[in-house]
Amino acid sequence: MAKTRSKGKAPQFSFETISQEEASDRRKQRGTRRSKYSPIGDQFEDLEEGNVLAFRASKNEVQGVRNYMRRNFDGEHQVNSRRVDGDTFEVHISRT
């Protein structure tokens, strides 16, 4: 027996027209949920051209940083890493 659809009201949406630049800025803003990598993003936002953000992280954290940066700063950054000792890596993040 097929389910019947309720005849309730359709959701009401509130629309506004904004510029592409403002839409891009809004997408870059973080919501209430913060990643453990958010402090890196905060430091990157203040990073000047020609400077590099450097820190140490585990192998898994390096991948987490790469994913976080790709999601939040796609096309604006470059992440490089090198093994320092054991499972520890030195991570360098710079602007492109």
N, C-alpha and C. Protein backbone atom coordinates (compact mmCIF):
# COMPACT_ATOMS: atom_id res chain seq x y z
N MET A 1 0.84 -1.17 0.00
CA MET A 1 0.00 0.00 0.00
C MET A 1 0.89 1.23 0.00
N ALA A 2 0.64 2.14 -0.89
CA ALA A 2 1.46 3.34 -1.03
C ALA A 2 1.12 4.34 0.07
N LYS A 3 2.16 5.08 0.46
CA LYS A 3 1.94 6.13 1.47
C LYS A 3 1.28 7.33 0.81
N THR A 4 0.46 7.99 1.55
CA THR A 4 -0.17 9.20 1.04
C THR A 4 0.59 10.40 1.55
N ARG A 5 0.66 11.40 0.76
CA ARG A 5 1.34 12.62 1.16
C ARG A 5 0.39 13.50 1.95
N SER A 6 0.93 14.09 2.97
CA SER A 6 0.08 15.00 3.76
C SER A 6 -0.16 16.27 2.95
N LYS A 7 -1.26 16.88 3.19
CA LYS A 7 -1.62 18.08 2.46
C LYS A 7 -1.30 19.31 3.29
N GLY A 8 -0.18 19.24 4.02
CA GLY A 8 0.26 20.37 4.84
C GLY A 8 0.83 21.47 3.97
N LYS A 9 1.16 22.56 4.60
CA LYS A 9 1.71 23.71 3.87
C LYS A 9 3.13 23.42 3.41
N ALA A 10 3.45 23.94 2.27
CA ALA A 10 4.83 23.85 1.77
C ALA A 10 5.68 24.83 2.59
N PRO A 11 6.98 24.54 2.76
CA PRO A 11 7.82 25.46 3.53
C PRO A 11 7.90 26.83 2.86
N GLN A 12 7.91 27.86 3.67
CA GLN A 12 8.01 29.22 3.18
C GLN A 12 9.46 29.65 3.23
N PHE A 13 9.98 30.12 2.11
CA PHE A 13 11.37 30.58 2.03
C PHE A 13 11.39 32.09 1.93
N SER A 14 12.40 32.67 2.52
CA SER A 14 12.59 34.11 2.44
C SER A 14 13.81 34.36 1.56
N PHE A 15 13.64 35.05 0.45
CA PHE A 15 14.71 35.26 -0.51
C PHE A 15 15.24 36.68 -0.45
N GLU A 16 16.51 36.82 -0.80
CA GLU A 16 17.10 38.13 -0.97
C GLU A 16 18.13 38.03 -2.10
N THR A 17 18.39 39.11 -2.76
CA THR A 17 19.37 39.14 -3.83
C THR A 17 20.62 39.83 -3.32
N ILE A 18 21.76 39.13 -3.46
CA ILE A 18 23.04 39.68 -2.98
C ILE A 18 24.06 39.54 -4.10
N SER A 19 25.16 40.26 -3.97
CA SER A 19 26.21 40.19 -4.98
C SER A 19 26.97 38.88 -4.86
N GLN A 20 27.67 38.49 -5.92
CA GLN A 20 28.46 37.27 -5.89
C GLN A 20 29.58 37.38 -4.85
N GLU A 21 30.14 38.56 -4.71
CA GLU A 21 31.22 38.76 -3.73
C GLU A 21 30.70 38.55 -2.31
N GLU A 22 29.53 39.08 -2.00
CA GLU A 22 28.96 38.90 -0.67
C GLU A 22 28.60 37.43 -0.43
N ALA A 23 28.10 36.75 -1.45
CA ALA A 23 27.78 35.33 -1.31
C ALA A 23 29.04 34.53 -1.03
N SER A 24 30.12 34.87 -1.72
CA SER A 24 31.40 34.19 -1.49
C SER A 24 31.88 34.43 -0.06
N ASP A 25 31.77 35.67 0.41
CA ASP A 25 32.17 35.99 1.79
C ASP A 25 31.33 35.23 2.80
N ARG A 26 30.05 35.11 2.55
CA ARG A 26 29.18 34.39 3.49
C ARG A 26 29.52 32.91 3.54
N ARG A 27 29.86 32.31 2.40
CA ARG A 27 30.22 30.90 2.38
C ARG A 27 31.51 30.63 3.14
N LYS A 28 32.40 31.60 3.18
CA LYS A 28 33.68 31.44 3.88
C LYS A 28 33.52 31.54 5.39
N GLN A 29 32.43 32.15 5.85
CA GLN A 29 32.23 32.31 7.29
C GLN A 29 31.95 30.96 7.92
N ARG A 30 32.45 30.81 9.09
CA ARG A 30 32.24 29.56 9.82
C ARG A 30 30.95 29.65 10.62
N GLY A 31 30.32 28.51 10.77
CA GLY A 31 29.09 28.45 11.56
C GLY A 31 29.42 28.30 13.04
N THR A 32 28.47 27.79 13.80
CA THR A 32 28.68 27.64 15.24
C THR A 32 29.56 26.45 15.57
N ARG A 33 29.61 25.46 14.69
CA ARG A 33 30.46 24.30 14.92
C ARG A 33 31.87 24.65 14.49
N ARG A 34 32.82 24.43 15.40
CA ARG A 34 34.21 24.76 15.08
C ARG A 34 35.04 23.50 15.02
N SER A 35 35.88 23.45 14.02
CA SER A 35 36.78 22.33 13.84
C SER A 35 37.97 22.49 14.79
N LYS A 36 38.63 21.39 15.08
CA LYS A 36 39.84 21.51 15.91
C LYS A 36 40.94 22.20 15.12
N TYR A 37 40.76 22.34 13.81
CA TYR A 37 41.74 23.04 12.97
C TYR A 37 41.38 24.51 12.77
N SER A 38 40.31 24.99 13.37
CA SER A 38 39.91 26.39 13.24
C SER A 38 41.00 27.38 13.64
N PRO A 39 41.78 27.11 14.71
CA PRO A 39 42.85 28.05 15.04
C PRO A 39 43.87 28.21 13.90
N ILE A 40 44.08 27.16 13.12
CA ILE A 40 44.98 27.26 11.97
C ILE A 40 44.37 28.19 10.93
N GLY A 41 43.07 28.04 10.68
CA GLY A 41 42.38 28.93 9.73
C GLY A 41 42.40 30.37 10.19
N ASP A 42 42.24 30.59 11.49
CA ASP A 42 42.29 31.95 12.03
C ASP A 42 43.67 32.57 11.81
N GLN A 43 44.72 31.79 12.04
CA GLN A 43 46.08 32.28 11.82
C GLN A 43 46.33 32.53 10.33
N PHE A 44 45.79 31.66 9.47
CA PHE A 44 45.99 31.81 8.03
C PHE A 44 45.31 33.08 7.51
N GLU A 45 44.14 33.41 8.05
CA GLU A 45 43.44 34.62 7.60
C GLU A 45 44.28 35.86 7.81
N ASP A 46 45.10 35.88 8.88
CA ASP A 46 45.93 37.04 9.19
C ASP A 46 47.32 36.95 8.55
N LEU A 47 47.61 35.86 7.86
CA LEU A 47 48.93 35.64 7.28
C LEU A 47 49.15 36.57 6.09
N GLU A 48 50.26 37.29 6.12
CA GLU A 48 50.58 38.22 5.04
C GLU A 48 51.28 37.49 3.90
N GLU A 49 51.19 38.03 2.72
CA GLU A 49 51.87 37.47 1.54
C GLU A 49 53.37 37.42 1.82
N GLY A 50 53.99 36.31 1.47
CA GLY A 50 55.42 36.17 1.68
C GLY A 50 55.80 35.50 2.99
N ASN A 51 54.84 35.32 3.89
CA ASN A 51 55.08 34.63 5.15
C ASN A 51 54.54 33.22 5.09
N VAL A 52 55.06 32.35 5.95
CA VAL A 52 54.63 30.94 5.99
C VAL A 52 54.25 30.60 7.42
N LEU A 53 53.12 29.94 7.58
CA LEU A 53 52.67 29.44 8.87
C LEU A 53 53.27 28.05 9.05
N ALA A 54 54.08 27.85 10.10
CA ALA A 54 54.77 26.57 10.30
C ALA A 54 54.43 26.00 11.67
N PHE A 55 54.18 24.70 11.73
CA PHE A 55 53.89 24.01 12.99
C PHE A 55 54.11 22.53 12.81
N ARG A 56 54.09 21.79 13.90
CA ARG A 56 54.28 20.33 13.85
C ARG A 56 52.95 19.64 14.09
N ALA A 57 52.79 18.49 13.43
CA ALA A 57 51.54 17.73 13.55
C ALA A 57 51.82 16.27 13.26
N SER A 58 50.90 15.40 13.69
CA SER A 58 51.01 13.97 13.38
C SER A 58 50.57 13.74 11.94
N LYS A 59 50.82 12.54 11.44
CA LYS A 59 50.46 12.19 10.07
C LYS A 59 48.97 12.39 9.82
N ASN A 60 48.12 11.94 10.74
CA ASN A 60 46.68 12.08 10.59
C ASN A 60 46.25 13.54 10.65
N GLU A 61 46.90 14.32 11.51
CA GLU A 61 46.56 15.74 11.61
C GLU A 61 46.94 16.49 10.34
N VAL A 62 48.03 16.08 9.68
CA VAL A 62 48.42 16.72 8.42
C VAL A 62 47.30 16.57 7.40
N GLN A 63 46.73 15.38 7.29
CA GLN A 63 45.63 15.17 6.35
C GLN A 63 44.41 15.97 6.76
N GLY A 64 44.14 16.05 8.06
CA GLY A 64 43.03 16.86 8.55
C GLY A 64 43.22 18.33 8.22
N VAL A 65 44.44 18.83 8.36
CA VAL A 65 44.74 20.22 8.02
C VAL A 65 44.54 20.45 6.53
N ARG A 66 45.03 19.52 5.72
CA ARG A 66 44.86 19.66 4.26
C ARG A 66 43.38 19.72 3.88
N ASN A 67 42.58 18.85 4.45
CA ASN A 67 41.14 18.84 4.15
C ASN A 67 40.46 20.11 4.64
N TYR A 68 40.81 20.55 5.85
CA TYR A 68 40.22 21.78 6.40
C TYR A 68 40.55 22.98 5.51
N MET A 69 41.80 23.10 5.13
CA MET A 69 42.21 24.23 4.30
C MET A 69 41.54 24.18 2.93
N ARG A 70 41.41 23.00 2.35
CA ARG A 70 40.75 22.87 1.05
C ARG A 70 39.29 23.29 1.15
N ARG A 71 38.61 22.87 2.21
CA ARG A 71 37.19 23.21 2.38
C ARG A 71 36.97 24.70 2.62
N ASN A 72 37.86 25.33 3.36
CA ASN A 72 37.64 26.71 3.78
C ASN A 72 38.41 27.76 2.98
N PHE A 73 39.52 27.39 2.36
CA PHE A 73 40.35 28.37 1.66
C PHE A 73 40.78 27.83 0.30
N ASP A 74 39.89 27.22 -0.41
CA ASP A 74 40.21 26.58 -1.69
C ASP A 74 40.82 27.59 -2.67
N GLY A 75 42.00 27.28 -3.18
CA GLY A 75 42.65 28.13 -4.16
C GLY A 75 43.46 29.27 -3.58
N GLU A 76 43.43 29.46 -2.27
CA GLU A 76 44.14 30.58 -1.65
C GLU A 76 45.40 30.13 -0.93
N HIS A 77 45.63 28.84 -0.84
CA HIS A 77 46.71 28.34 0.01
C HIS A 77 47.51 27.23 -0.65
N GLN A 78 48.65 26.95 -0.02
CA GLN A 78 49.47 25.80 -0.40
C GLN A 78 49.95 25.17 0.90
N VAL A 79 49.75 23.86 1.03
CA VAL A 79 50.18 23.13 2.23
C VAL A 79 51.31 22.19 1.83
N ASN A 80 52.44 22.32 2.50
CA ASN A 80 53.58 21.43 2.31
C ASN A 80 53.92 20.81 3.65
N SER A 81 54.41 19.58 3.63
CA SER A 81 54.81 18.94 4.88
C SER A 81 56.04 18.09 4.65
N ARG A 82 56.79 17.89 5.72
CA ARG A 82 57.96 17.02 5.64
C ARG A 82 58.07 16.28 6.96
N ARG A 83 58.52 15.04 6.89
CA ARG A 83 58.68 14.22 8.09
C ARG A 83 59.85 14.75 8.90
N VAL A 84 59.62 14.95 10.20
CA VAL A 84 60.68 15.43 11.07
C VAL A 84 61.30 14.25 11.80
N ASP A 85 60.48 13.51 12.51
CA ASP A 85 60.94 12.28 13.17
C ASP A 85 59.74 11.42 13.50
N GLY A 86 59.90 10.12 13.30
CA GLY A 86 58.81 9.19 13.61
C GLY A 86 57.54 9.53 12.87
N ASP A 87 56.48 9.81 13.63
CA ASP A 87 55.17 10.13 13.07
C ASP A 87 54.89 11.63 13.15
N THR A 88 55.94 12.42 13.31
CA THR A 88 55.78 13.87 13.42
C THR A 88 56.21 14.55 12.12
N PHE A 89 55.39 15.49 11.68
CA PHE A 89 55.65 16.22 10.45
C PHE A 89 55.69 17.71 10.73
N GLU A 90 56.50 18.43 9.98
CA GLU A 90 56.48 19.89 10.02
C GLU A 90 55.60 20.34 8.86
N VAL A 91 54.61 21.15 9.15
CA VAL A 91 53.65 21.61 8.15
C VAL A 91 53.91 23.08 7.85
N HIS A 92 53.93 23.43 6.57
CA HIS A 92 54.09 24.81 6.13
C HIS A 92 52.86 25.19 5.31
N ILE A 93 52.21 26.28 5.68
CA ILE A 93 51.06 26.77 4.95
C ILE A 93 51.38 28.18 4.47
N SER A 94 51.19 28.41 3.17
CA SER A 94 51.45 29.73 2.61
C SER A 94 50.32 30.13 1.68
N ARG A 95 50.27 31.40 1.36
CA ARG A 95 49.28 31.91 0.40
C ARG A 95 49.78 31.68 -1.02
N THR A 96 48.87 31.45 -1.95
CA THR A 96 49.27 31.26 -3.34
C THR A 96 49.10 32.54 -4.11
